[in-house]
Amino acid sequence: MSNKYHLPRGTSADGPYDVLVTPESAGWGYSGLRIVTLQPGEAHALSTHDSEFLVLPLTGSCTVTTDGTSFELEGRTGVFASVTDFAYLPPESAAQISSAQGGLFALPSARTERSSLSARYGPKEDVPVELRGAGACSRQVNNYCLPGTFEADQLLVCEVLTPGGNWSSYPPHKHDTARPGVESELEEIYYFQVAGDGNGFGYQRVYGTPERPIDVLAEVRSGDTVLIPHGWHGPSIAAPGYDLYYLNVMAGPGQDRAWLICDDPAHGWVRTTWESQDIDDRLPFEGLTQQ
């Protein structure tokens, strides 16, 4: 069943982008994501306008040039192989992204009225790698651009890697109501890749309340995107035999950049079961170390 919040691969392509999600196309105010493929020797010009961006290699390496400064991004061979270095671009920037060998690059963004930061490089050695949950809820989170890991005005970015057969983004949680110290108001984008031969899949659930309904149960494959304007989201389910990756992009109207969530009260008790379980021994993924 089609759903305006589930964008299968190719359905949000536009111009040079494999995926183009803007605040306007999503029907909200802040979060955005572009995915661009560069052929060997190809370059892409990016104007950030009123948003801040990351340049985050998914596969391959690139050079990011802006305001007379160049950042050489070593990148990676794939999202399951390692974390990556990245570049930050502030609003009102003009940048060129070029790749000698070619690759696939994510450009997560957040609209912001503040512009206090300059372009800079994020070393992969500084990316905290966290193992969350336990048992069948074990997953790995690469915390690129969150409060306490990398400074930005509004933008929040992380990656979640879930071994085949496991559940992540669980218990279901939400962050759609501003409650200081309890919950942030954040729009969220999930961009998926599935390991394997191209036949792999997973599932993503999003559901709301009677006052703010939303209903998504999507079979997701590599290149799919899911939009989460509000509501409980989770689980993200990796089918047995197929490791699941998703890039999370979040932003919202709050002046205090924070990621505060609340669990669905019907399922929050699941967290207490992790105390008696071990973390899945398939984690961390090959080439990734916990820091």
C-alpha atoms as a PDB file:
ATOM      1  CA  MET A   1       0.000   0.000   0.000  1.00  0.00           C
ATOM      2  CA  SER A   2       1.393   3.412  -0.952  1.00  0.00           C
ATOM      3  CA  ASN A   3       1.734   6.060   1.725  1.00  0.00           C
ATOM      4  CA  LYS A   4       2.793   9.670   1.379  1.00  0.00           C
ATOM      5  CA  TYR A   5       5.249   9.170   4.231  1.00  0.00           C
ATOM      6  CA  HIS A   6       6.992   6.209   2.567  1.00  0.00           C
ATOM      7  CA  LEU A   7       9.053   7.243  -0.467  1.00  0.00           C
ATOM      8  CA  PRO A   8      10.262   4.117  -2.299  1.00  0.00           C
ATOM      9  CA  ARG A   9      13.558   4.326  -4.144  1.00  0.00           C
ATOM     10  CA  GLY A  10      13.308   6.628  -7.148  1.00  0.00           C
ATOM     11  CA  THR A  11      10.013   8.259  -6.237  1.00  0.00           C
ATOM     12  CA  SER A  12      11.660  11.318  -4.660  1.00  0.00           C
ATOM     13  CA  ALA A  13      14.430  11.674  -7.263  1.00  0.00           C
ATOM     14  CA  ASP A  14      14.737  15.122  -8.792  1.00  0.00           C
ATOM     15  CA  GLY A  15      17.423  16.590 -11.033  1.00  0.00           C
ATOM     16  CA  PRO A  16      20.848  15.381  -9.891  1.00  0.00           C
ATOM     17  CA  TYR A  17      19.460  13.831  -6.698  1.00  0.00           C
ATOM     18  CA  ASP A  18      18.503  10.204  -6.088  1.00  0.00           C
ATOM     19  CA  VAL A  19      16.536  11.491  -3.085  1.00  0.00           C
ATOM     20  CA  LEU A  20      15.356  15.063  -2.604  1.00  0.00           C
ATOM     21  CA  VAL A  21      13.405  15.860   0.550  1.00  0.00           C
ATOM     22  CA  THR A  22      12.956  19.531   1.381  1.00  0.00           C
ATOM     23  CA  PRO A  23      10.818  21.113   4.093  1.00  0.00           C
ATOM     24  CA  GLU A  24       8.415  22.128   1.332  1.00  0.00           C
ATOM     25  CA  SER A  25       8.139  18.649  -0.226  1.00  0.00           C
ATOM     26  CA  ALA A  26       7.729  17.042   3.208  1.00  0.00           C
ATOM     27  CA  GLY A  27       5.120  19.577   4.307  1.00  0.00           C
ATOM     28  CA  TRP A  28       6.991  20.681   7.402  1.00  0.00           C
ATOM     29  CA  GLY A  29       9.428  23.379   8.469  1.00  0.00           C
ATOM     30  CA  TYR A  30      13.011  22.288   8.999  1.00  0.00           C
ATOM     31  CA  SER A  31      14.447  18.855   8.085  1.00  0.00           C
ATOM     32  CA  GLY A  32      15.818  17.970   4.649  1.00  0.00           C
ATOM     33  CA  LEU A  33      17.878  15.309   2.894  1.00  0.00           C
ATOM     34  CA  ARG A  34      19.509  14.943  -0.503  1.00  0.00           C
ATOM     35  CA  ILE A  35      21.284  11.853  -1.793  1.00  0.00           C
ATOM     36  CA  VAL A  36      23.572  12.347  -4.788  1.00  0.00           C
ATOM     37  CA  THR A  37      25.530   9.875  -6.908  1.00  0.00           C
ATOM     38  CA  LEU A  38      28.740  11.192  -8.439  1.00  0.00           C
ATOM     39  CA  GLN A  39      30.395   9.363 -11.303  1.00  0.00           C
ATOM     40  CA  PRO A  40      34.226   9.228 -11.349  1.00  0.00           C
ATOM     41  CA  GLY A  41      35.530  12.749 -11.915  1.00  0.00           C
ATOM     42  CA  GLU A  42      32.096  14.330 -11.519  1.00  0.00           C
ATOM     43  CA  ALA A  43      31.325  17.355  -9.323  1.00  0.00           C
ATOM     44  CA  HIS A  44      28.162  18.754  -7.792  1.00  0.00           C
ATOM     45  CA  ALA A  45      27.524  22.391  -6.878  1.00  0.00           C
ATOM     46  CA  LEU A  46      25.536  22.943  -3.687  1.00  0.00           C
ATOM     47  CA  SER A  47      24.072  26.221  -2.449  1.00  0.00           C
ATOM     48  CA  THR A  48      22.927  25.927   1.144  1.00  0.00           C
ATOM     49  CA  HIS A  49      20.687  29.053   1.174  1.00  0.00           C
ATOM     50  CA  ASP A  50      18.827  29.172   4.530  1.00  0.00           C
ATOM     51  CA  SER A  51      19.942  25.712   5.734  1.00  0.00           C
ATOM     52  CA  GLU A  52      22.994  24.101   7.279  1.00  0.00           C
ATOM     53  CA  PHE A  53      24.243  20.858   5.710  1.00  0.00           C
ATOM     54  CA  LEU A  54      26.531  17.927   6.271  1.00  0.00           C
ATOM     55  CA  VAL A  55      28.365  16.234   3.429  1.00  0.00           C
ATOM     56  CA  LEU A  56      28.388  12.604   4.576  1.00  0.00           C
ATOM     57  CA  PRO A  57      29.900   9.933   2.305  1.00  0.00           C
ATOM     58  CA  LEU A  58      27.873   6.723   2.138  1.00  0.00           C
ATOM     59  CA  THR A  59      30.220   5.107  -0.381  1.00  0.00           C
ATOM     60  CA  GLY A  60      33.379   6.640  -1.794  1.00  0.00           C
ATOM     61  CA  SER A  61      35.506   9.694  -1.079  1.00  0.00           C
ATOM     62  CA  CYS A  62      35.213  13.320  -2.130  1.00  0.00           C
ATOM     63  CA  THR A  63      36.630  16.818  -1.878  1.00  0.00           C
ATOM     64  CA  VAL A  64      34.410  19.596  -0.512  1.00  0.00           C
ATOM     65  CA  THR A  65      35.460  23.124  -1.471  1.00  0.00           C
ATOM     66  CA  THR A  66      33.791  26.191   0.012  1.00  0.00           C
ATOM     67  CA  ASP A  67      34.872  29.786   0.609  1.00  0.00           C
ATOM     68  CA  GLY A  68      38.432  29.083  -0.507  1.00  0.00           C
ATOM     69  CA  THR A  69      38.852  26.075   1.810  1.00  0.00           C
ATOM     70  CA  SER A  70      38.957  22.408   0.789  1.00  0.00           C
ATOM     71  CA  PHE A  71      38.150  19.389   2.946  1.00  0.00           C
ATOM     72  CA  GLU A  72      39.390  16.001   1.773  1.00  0.00           C
ATOM     73  CA  LEU A  73      36.879  13.371   2.886  1.00  0.00           C
ATOM     74  CA  GLU A  74      38.368   9.884   2.987  1.00  0.00           C
ATOM     75  CA  GLY A  75      34.885   8.402   3.064  1.00  0.00           C
ATOM     76  CA  ARG A  76      34.362   4.651   3.199  1.00  0.00           C
ATOM     77  CA  THR A  77      33.674   1.613   1.042  1.00  0.00           C
ATOM     78  CA  GLY A  78      30.114   1.316   2.360  1.00  0.00           C
ATOM     79  CA  VAL A  79      27.865   2.053   5.307  1.00  0.00           C
ATOM     80  CA  PHE A  80      28.448  -1.348   6.916  1.00  0.00           C
ATOM     81  CA  ALA A  81      32.246  -1.090   6.548  1.00  0.00           C
ATOM     82  CA  SER A  82      33.123   1.840   8.818  1.00  0.00           C
ATOM     83  CA  VAL A  83      32.156   5.243  10.086  1.00  0.00           C
ATOM     84  CA  THR A  84      33.168   8.145   7.863  1.00  0.00           C
ATOM     85  CA  ASP A  85      34.589  11.607   8.113  1.00  0.00           C
ATOM     86  CA  PHE A  86      32.313  14.436   6.980  1.00  0.00           C
ATOM     87  CA  ALA A  87      32.073  18.176   6.377  1.00  0.00           C
ATOM     88  CA  TYR A  88      29.753  20.812   7.827  1.00  0.00           C
ATOM     89  CA  LEU A  89      28.453  23.687   5.682  1.00  0.00           C
ATOM     90  CA  PRO A  90      26.674  26.682   7.253  1.00  0.00           C
ATOM     91  CA  PRO A  91      23.775  28.591   5.692  1.00  0.00           C
ATOM     92  CA  GLU A  92      24.440  30.933   2.769  1.00  0.00           C
ATOM     93  CA  SER A  93      27.378  28.832   1.560  1.00  0.00           C
ATOM     94  CA  ALA A  94      28.381  27.844  -1.963  1.00  0.00           C
ATOM     95  CA  ALA A  95      30.210  24.529  -2.122  1.00  0.00           C
ATOM     96  CA  GLN A  96      31.499  22.108  -4.714  1.00  0.00           C
ATOM     97  CA  ILE A  97      31.585  18.387  -4.017  1.00  0.00           C
ATOM     98  CA  SER A  98      33.877  16.466  -6.356  1.00  0.00           C
ATOM     99  CA  SER A  99      34.852  12.808  -6.402  1.00  0.00           C
ATOM    100  CA  ALA A 100      37.781  11.400  -8.358  1.00  0.00           C
ATOM    101  CA  GLN A 101      36.613   7.790  -7.967  1.00  0.00           C
ATOM    102  CA  GLY A 102      32.871   8.440  -7.687  1.00  0.00           C
ATOM    103  CA  GLY A 103      30.494   7.524  -4.890  1.00  0.00           C
ATOM    104  CA  LEU A 104      27.197   8.037  -3.098  1.00  0.00           C
ATOM    105  CA  PHE A 105      26.853  11.005  -0.756  1.00  0.00           C
ATOM    106  CA  ALA A 106      24.207  12.081   1.763  1.00  0.00           C
ATOM    107  CA  LEU A 107      23.479  15.780   2.273  1.00  0.00           C
ATOM    108  CA  PRO A 108      21.310  16.057   5.409  1.00  0.00           C
ATOM    109  CA  SER A 109      20.114  19.578   6.185  1.00  0.00           C
ATOM    110  CA  ALA A 110      18.216  21.753   8.626  1.00  0.00           C
ATOM    111  CA  ARG A 111      16.647  25.144   8.012  1.00  0.00           C
ATOM    112  CA  THR A 112      17.896  27.640  10.564  1.00  0.00           C
ATOM    113  CA  GLU A 113      17.586  31.353  11.216  1.00  0.00           C
ATOM    114  CA  ARG A 114      20.915  31.309  13.042  1.00  0.00           C
ATOM    115  CA  SER A 115      24.243  31.316  11.258  1.00  0.00           C
ATOM    116  CA  SER A 116      26.897  31.379  13.946  1.00  0.00           C
ATOM    117  CA  LEU A 117      29.160  28.598  12.670  1.00  0.00           C
ATOM    118  CA  SER A 118      31.747  28.224   9.926  1.00  0.00           C
ATOM    119  CA  ALA A 119      32.472  25.373   7.531  1.00  0.00           C
ATOM    120  CA  ARG A 120      34.583  22.676   9.139  1.00  0.00           C
ATOM    121  CA  TYR A 121      35.786  19.093   8.997  1.00  0.00           C
ATOM    122  CA  GLY A 122      34.532  16.207  11.151  1.00  0.00           C
ATOM    123  CA  PRO A 123      37.189  13.460  11.594  1.00  0.00           C
ATOM    124  CA  LYS A 124      35.891   9.906  11.706  1.00  0.00           C
ATOM    125  CA  GLU A 125      38.020   9.271  14.810  1.00  0.00           C
ATOM    126  CA  ASP A 126      35.820  11.751  16.680  1.00  0.00           C
ATOM    127  CA  VAL A 127      32.508  10.030  15.823  1.00  0.00           C
ATOM    128  CA  PRO A 128      31.190   8.239  18.934  1.00  0.00           C
ATOM    129  CA  VAL A 129      30.022   4.697  18.177  1.00  0.00           C
ATOM    130  CA  GLU A 130      27.368   3.489  20.640  1.00  0.00           C
ATOM    131  CA  LEU A 131      25.890   0.025  21.132  1.00  0.00           C
ATOM    132  CA  ARG A 132      22.272   0.278  22.303  1.00  0.00           C
ATOM    133  CA  GLY A 133      19.805  -2.271  23.585  1.00  0.00           C
ATOM    134  CA  ALA A 134      20.506  -5.967  24.122  1.00  0.00           C
ATOM    135  CA  GLY A 135      19.459  -9.338  22.756  1.00  0.00           C
ATOM    136  CA  ALA A 136      17.231  -9.022  19.693  1.00  0.00           C
ATOM    137  CA  CYS A 137      17.055  -5.251  20.292  1.00  0.00           C
ATOM    138  CA  SER A 138      20.830  -4.782  19.934  1.00  0.00           C
ATOM    139  CA  ARG A 139      21.888  -2.150  17.415  1.00  0.00           C
ATOM    140  CA  GLN A 140      24.752   0.212  16.701  1.00  0.00           C
ATOM    141  CA  VAL A 141      24.463   3.995  16.523  1.00  0.00           C
ATOM    142  CA  ASN A 142      27.050   6.269  14.903  1.00  0.00           C
ATOM    143  CA  ASN A 143      26.525   9.682  16.508  1.00  0.00           C
ATOM    144  CA  TYR A 144      27.820  12.149  13.920  1.00  0.00           C
ATOM    145  CA  CYS A 145      26.075  15.399  14.690  1.00  0.00           C
ATOM    146  CA  LEU A 146      24.199  15.348  17.978  1.00  0.00           C
ATOM    147  CA  PRO A 147      24.407  17.604  21.038  1.00  0.00           C
ATOM    148  CA  GLY A 148      27.695  16.769  22.689  1.00  0.00           C
ATOM    149  CA  THR A 149      29.259  15.154  19.601  1.00  0.00           C
ATOM    150  CA  PHE A 150      29.391  17.931  16.967  1.00  0.00           C
ATOM    151  CA  GLU A 151      28.169  21.521  17.059  1.00  0.00           C
ATOM    152  CA  ALA A 152      25.417  22.708  14.727  1.00  0.00           C
ATOM    153  CA  ASP A 153      22.609  25.236  14.946  1.00  0.00           C
ATOM    154  CA  GLN A 154      19.590  22.938  14.461  1.00  0.00           C
ATOM    155  CA  LEU A 155      20.787  19.813  12.634  1.00  0.00           C
ATOM    156  CA  LEU A 156      20.872  16.352  14.260  1.00  0.00           C
ATOM    157  CA  VAL A 157      22.320  13.393  12.324  1.00  0.00           C
ATOM    158  CA  CYS A 158      23.131   9.785  13.253  1.00  0.00           C
ATOM    159  CA  GLU A 159      23.221   6.340  11.659  1.00  0.00           C
ATOM    160  CA  VAL A 160      21.704   3.127  13.015  1.00  0.00           C
ATOM    161  CA  LEU A 161      22.926  -0.324  11.968  1.00  0.00           C
ATOM    162  CA  THR A 162      20.776  -3.309  12.917  1.00  0.00           C
ATOM    163  CA  PRO A 163      21.929  -6.935  12.483  1.00  0.00           C
ATOM    164  CA  GLY A 164      19.584  -9.171  10.495  1.00  0.00           C
ATOM    165  CA  GLY A 165      16.692 -10.439  12.628  1.00  0.00           C
ATOM    166  CA  ASN A 166      16.966  -7.625  15.194  1.00  0.00           C
ATOM    167  CA  TRP A 167      14.649  -4.740  16.023  1.00  0.00           C
ATOM    168  CA  SER A 168      15.802  -1.148  16.477  1.00  0.00           C
ATOM    169  CA  SER A 169      14.080   2.173  17.094  1.00  0.00           C
ATOM    170  CA  TYR A 170      12.416   0.193  19.847  1.00  0.00           C
ATOM    171  CA  PRO A 171      10.540   0.634  22.126  1.00  0.00           C
ATOM    172  CA  PRO A 172       8.522   2.962  19.890  1.00  0.00           C
ATOM    173  CA  HIS A 173       9.157   6.567  20.859  1.00  0.00           C
ATOM    174  CA  LYS A 174       8.230  10.064  19.784  1.00  0.00           C
ATOM    175  CA  HIS A 175       9.570  13.606  19.811  1.00  0.00           C
ATOM    176  CA  ASP A 176       6.792  15.826  18.493  1.00  0.00           C
ATOM    177  CA  THR A 177       5.847  18.019  21.450  1.00  0.00           C
ATOM    178  CA  ALA A 178       8.038  20.657  23.089  1.00  0.00           C
ATOM    179  CA  ARG A 179       8.254  19.805  26.795  1.00  0.00           C
ATOM    180  CA  PRO A 180      11.385  21.316  28.334  1.00  0.00           C
ATOM    181  CA  GLY A 181      13.638  18.662  29.812  1.00  0.00           C
ATOM    182  CA  VAL A 182      11.281  15.872  28.706  1.00  0.00           C
ATOM    183  CA  GLU A 183      10.643  15.909  24.948  1.00  0.00           C
ATOM    184  CA  SER A 184      11.852  17.821  21.892  1.00  0.00           C
ATOM    185  CA  GLU A 185       9.804  18.796  18.834  1.00  0.00           C
ATOM    186  CA  LEU A 186      11.730  17.286  15.906  1.00  0.00           C
ATOM    187  CA  GLU A 187      10.816  16.276  12.359  1.00  0.00           C
ATOM    188  CA  GLU A 188      12.684  13.139  11.290  1.00  0.00           C
ATOM    189  CA  ILE A 189      13.796  11.467   8.064  1.00  0.00           C
ATOM    190  CA  TYR A 190      14.899   7.828   7.773  1.00  0.00           C
ATOM    191  CA  TYR A 191      16.963   6.827   4.714  1.00  0.00           C
ATOM    192  CA  PHE A 192      17.530   3.075   4.339  1.00  0.00           C
ATOM    193  CA  GLN A 193      20.097   0.696   2.915  1.00  0.00           C
ATOM    194  CA  VAL A 194      19.960  -3.093   3.216  1.00  0.00           C
ATOM    195  CA  ALA A 195      23.045  -5.290   3.068  1.00  0.00           C
ATOM    196  CA  GLY A 196      23.221  -8.160   0.618  1.00  0.00           C
ATOM    197  CA  ASP A 197      22.440  -8.888  -3.000  1.00  0.00           C
ATOM    198  CA  GLY A 198      19.732  -6.299  -3.555  1.00  0.00           C
ATOM    199  CA  ASN A 199      16.834  -8.520  -2.507  1.00  0.00           C
ATOM    200  CA  GLY A 200      16.974  -7.591   1.183  1.00  0.00           C
ATOM    201  CA  PHE A 201      14.241  -5.735   3.017  1.00  0.00           C
ATOM    202  CA  GLY A 202      13.080  -4.514   6.406  1.00  0.00           C
ATOM    203  CA  TYR A 203      10.006  -2.905   7.938  1.00  0.00           C
ATOM    204  CA  GLN A 204       9.316   0.497   9.456  1.00  0.00           C
ATOM    205  CA  ARG A 205       6.354   1.339  11.681  1.00  0.00           C
ATOM    206  CA  VAL A 206       5.016   4.827  12.483  1.00  0.00           C
ATOM    207  CA  TYR A 207       1.709   5.421  14.294  1.00  0.00           C
ATOM    208  CA  GLY A 208       0.003   8.332  15.958  1.00  0.00           C
ATOM    209  CA  THR A 209      -2.688   9.217  18.457  1.00  0.00           C
ATOM    210  CA  PRO A 210      -6.409   9.851  17.892  1.00  0.00           C
ATOM    211  CA  GLU A 211      -5.649  13.575  18.059  1.00  0.00           C
ATOM    212  CA  ARG A 212      -2.729  13.362  15.593  1.00  0.00           C
ATOM    213  CA  PRO A 213      -3.201  10.258  13.454  1.00  0.00           C
ATOM    214  CA  ILE A 214      -0.500   8.773  11.233  1.00  0.00           C
ATOM    215  CA  ASP A 215      -0.264   5.171  10.081  1.00  0.00           C
ATOM    216  CA  VAL A 216       2.780   3.727   8.295  1.00  0.00           C
ATOM    217  CA  LEU A 217       3.800   0.097   7.996  1.00  0.00           C
ATOM    218  CA  ALA A 218       6.321   0.125   5.174  1.00  0.00           C
ATOM    219  CA  GLU A 219       8.419  -2.609   3.650  1.00  0.00           C
ATOM    220  CA  VAL A 220      11.678  -0.766   3.085  1.00  0.00           C
ATOM    221  CA  ARG A 221      14.512  -1.564   0.699  1.00  0.00           C
ATOM    222  CA  SER A 222      17.797   0.097  -0.236  1.00  0.00           C
ATOM    223  CA  GLY A 223      17.211   3.686  -1.303  1.00  0.00           C
ATOM    224  CA  ASP A 224      13.814   4.060   0.408  1.00  0.00           C
ATOM    225  CA  THR A 225      12.982   7.012   2.639  1.00  0.00           C
ATOM    226  CA  VAL A 226      10.392   7.370   5.410  1.00  0.00           C
ATOM    227  CA  LEU A 227       9.175  10.739   6.721  1.00  0.00           C
ATOM    228  CA  ILE A 228       8.147  11.098  10.359  1.00  0.00           C
ATOM    229  CA  PRO A 229       6.394  14.435  10.990  1.00  0.00           C
ATOM    230  CA  HIS A 230       5.014  13.275  14.349  1.00  0.00           C
ATOM    231  CA  GLY A 231       3.859  10.214  16.218  1.00  0.00           C
ATOM    232  CA  TRP A 232       5.389   7.080  17.683  1.00  0.00           C
ATOM    233  CA  HIS A 233       8.030   5.515  15.443  1.00  0.00           C
ATOM    234  CA  GLY A 234       9.446   2.046  15.709  1.00  0.00           C
ATOM    235  CA  PRO A 235      10.195  -0.656  15.424  1.00  0.00           C
ATOM    236  CA  SER A 236      12.619  -0.701  12.528  1.00  0.00           C
ATOM    237  CA  ILE A 237      12.855  -4.422  11.768  1.00  0.00           C
ATOM    238  CA  ALA A 238      15.771  -6.074   9.947  1.00  0.00           C
ATOM    239  CA  ALA A 239      14.645  -9.261   8.207  1.00  0.00           C
ATOM    240  CA  PRO A 240      16.735 -12.318   9.140  1.00  0.00           C
ATOM    241  CA  GLY A 241      19.754 -12.549   6.860  1.00  0.00           C
ATOM    242  CA  TYR A 242      19.691  -8.859   5.929  1.00  0.00           C
ATOM    243  CA  ASP A 243      21.461  -6.233   8.024  1.00  0.00           C
ATOM    244  CA  LEU A 244      19.608  -2.910   8.020  1.00  0.00           C
ATOM    245  CA  TYR A 245      21.072   0.603   7.882  1.00  0.00           C
ATOM    246  CA  TYR A 246      19.291   3.890   8.223  1.00  0.00           C
ATOM    247  CA  LEU A 247      20.420   7.489   8.318  1.00  0.00           C
ATOM    248  CA  ASN A 248      18.445   9.677  10.745  1.00  0.00           C
ATOM    249  CA  VAL A 249      18.057  13.395  10.046  1.00  0.00           C
ATOM    250  CA  MET A 250      16.252  15.547  12.605  1.00  0.00           C
ATOM    251  CA  ALA A 251      15.526  19.230  13.103  1.00  0.00           C
ATOM    252  CA  GLY A 252      12.817  21.350  14.678  1.00  0.00           C
ATOM    253  CA  PRO A 253      11.809  24.779  15.906  1.00  0.00           C
ATOM    254  CA  GLY A 254      13.373  24.621  19.367  1.00  0.00           C
ATOM    255  CA  GLN A 255      16.074  27.163  20.138  1.00  0.00           C
ATOM    256  CA  ASP A 256      17.763  24.641  22.406  1.00  0.00           C
ATOM    257  CA  ARG A 257      19.231  21.958  20.136  1.00  0.00           C
ATOM    258  CA  ALA A 258      18.268  18.771  21.949  1.00  0.00           C
ATOM    259  CA  TRP A 259      17.205  15.193  21.236  1.00  0.00           C
ATOM    260  CA  LEU A 260      14.710  14.277  23.945  1.00  0.00           C
ATOM    261  CA  ILE A 261      12.328  11.362  23.407  1.00  0.00           C
ATOM    262  CA  CYS A 262       9.529   9.629  25.280  1.00  0.00           C
ATOM    263  CA  ASP A 263       8.629   5.963  24.921  1.00  0.00           C
ATOM    264  CA  ASP A 264       5.163   4.695  24.100  1.00  0.00           C
ATOM    265  CA  PRO A 265       3.953   3.855  27.632  1.00  0.00           C
ATOM    266  CA  ALA A 266       2.514   0.580  26.349  1.00  0.00           C
ATOM    267  CA  HIS A 267       5.963  -0.696  25.381  1.00  0.00           C
ATOM    268  CA  GLY A 268       8.521   1.211  27.440  1.00  0.00           C
ATOM    269  CA  TRP A 269       8.842  -1.720  29.860  1.00  0.00           C
ATOM    270  CA  VAL A 270      10.853  -3.578  27.222  1.00  0.00           C
ATOM    271  CA  ARG A 271      13.928  -1.551  28.191  1.00  0.00           C
ATOM    272  CA  THR A 272      13.998  -3.246  31.600  1.00  0.00           C
ATOM    273  CA  THR A 273      14.498  -6.655  29.984  1.00  0.00           C
ATOM    274  CA  TRP A 274      17.841  -5.611  28.501  1.00  0.00           C
ATOM    275  CA  GLU A 275      19.523  -5.710  31.898  1.00  0.00           C
ATOM    276  CA  SER A 276      19.496  -9.523  31.835  1.00  0.00           C
ATOM    277  CA  GLN A 277      20.544  -9.904  28.190  1.00  0.00           C
ATOM    278  CA  ASP A 278      23.869  -9.621  26.379  1.00  0.00           C
ATOM    279  CA  ILE A 279      24.537  -7.324  23.437  1.00  0.00           C
ATOM    280  CA  ASP A 280      24.391  -9.197  20.133  1.00  0.00           C
ATOM    281  CA  ASP A 281      27.907 -10.517  19.474  1.00  0.00           C
ATOM    282  CA  ARG A 282      27.629  -9.468  15.813  1.00  0.00           C
ATOM    283  CA  LEU A 283      28.175  -5.926  17.035  1.00  0.00           C
ATOM    284  CA  PRO A 284      30.046  -3.753  16.411  1.00  0.00           C
ATOM    285  CA  PHE A 285      30.010  -4.251  12.667  1.00  0.00           C
ATOM    286  CA  GLU A 286      33.270  -5.191  10.942  1.00  0.00           C
ATOM    287  CA  GLY A 287      35.637  -2.230  10.896  1.00  0.00           C
ATOM    288  CA  LEU A 288      33.630  -0.312  13.492  1.00  0.00           C
ATOM    289  CA  THR A 289      34.807  -0.069  17.078  1.00  0.00           C
ATOM    290  CA  GLN A 290      32.947   1.110  20.131  1.00  0.00           C
ATOM    291  CA  GLN A 291      34.346   4.328  21.560  1.00  0.00           C
END
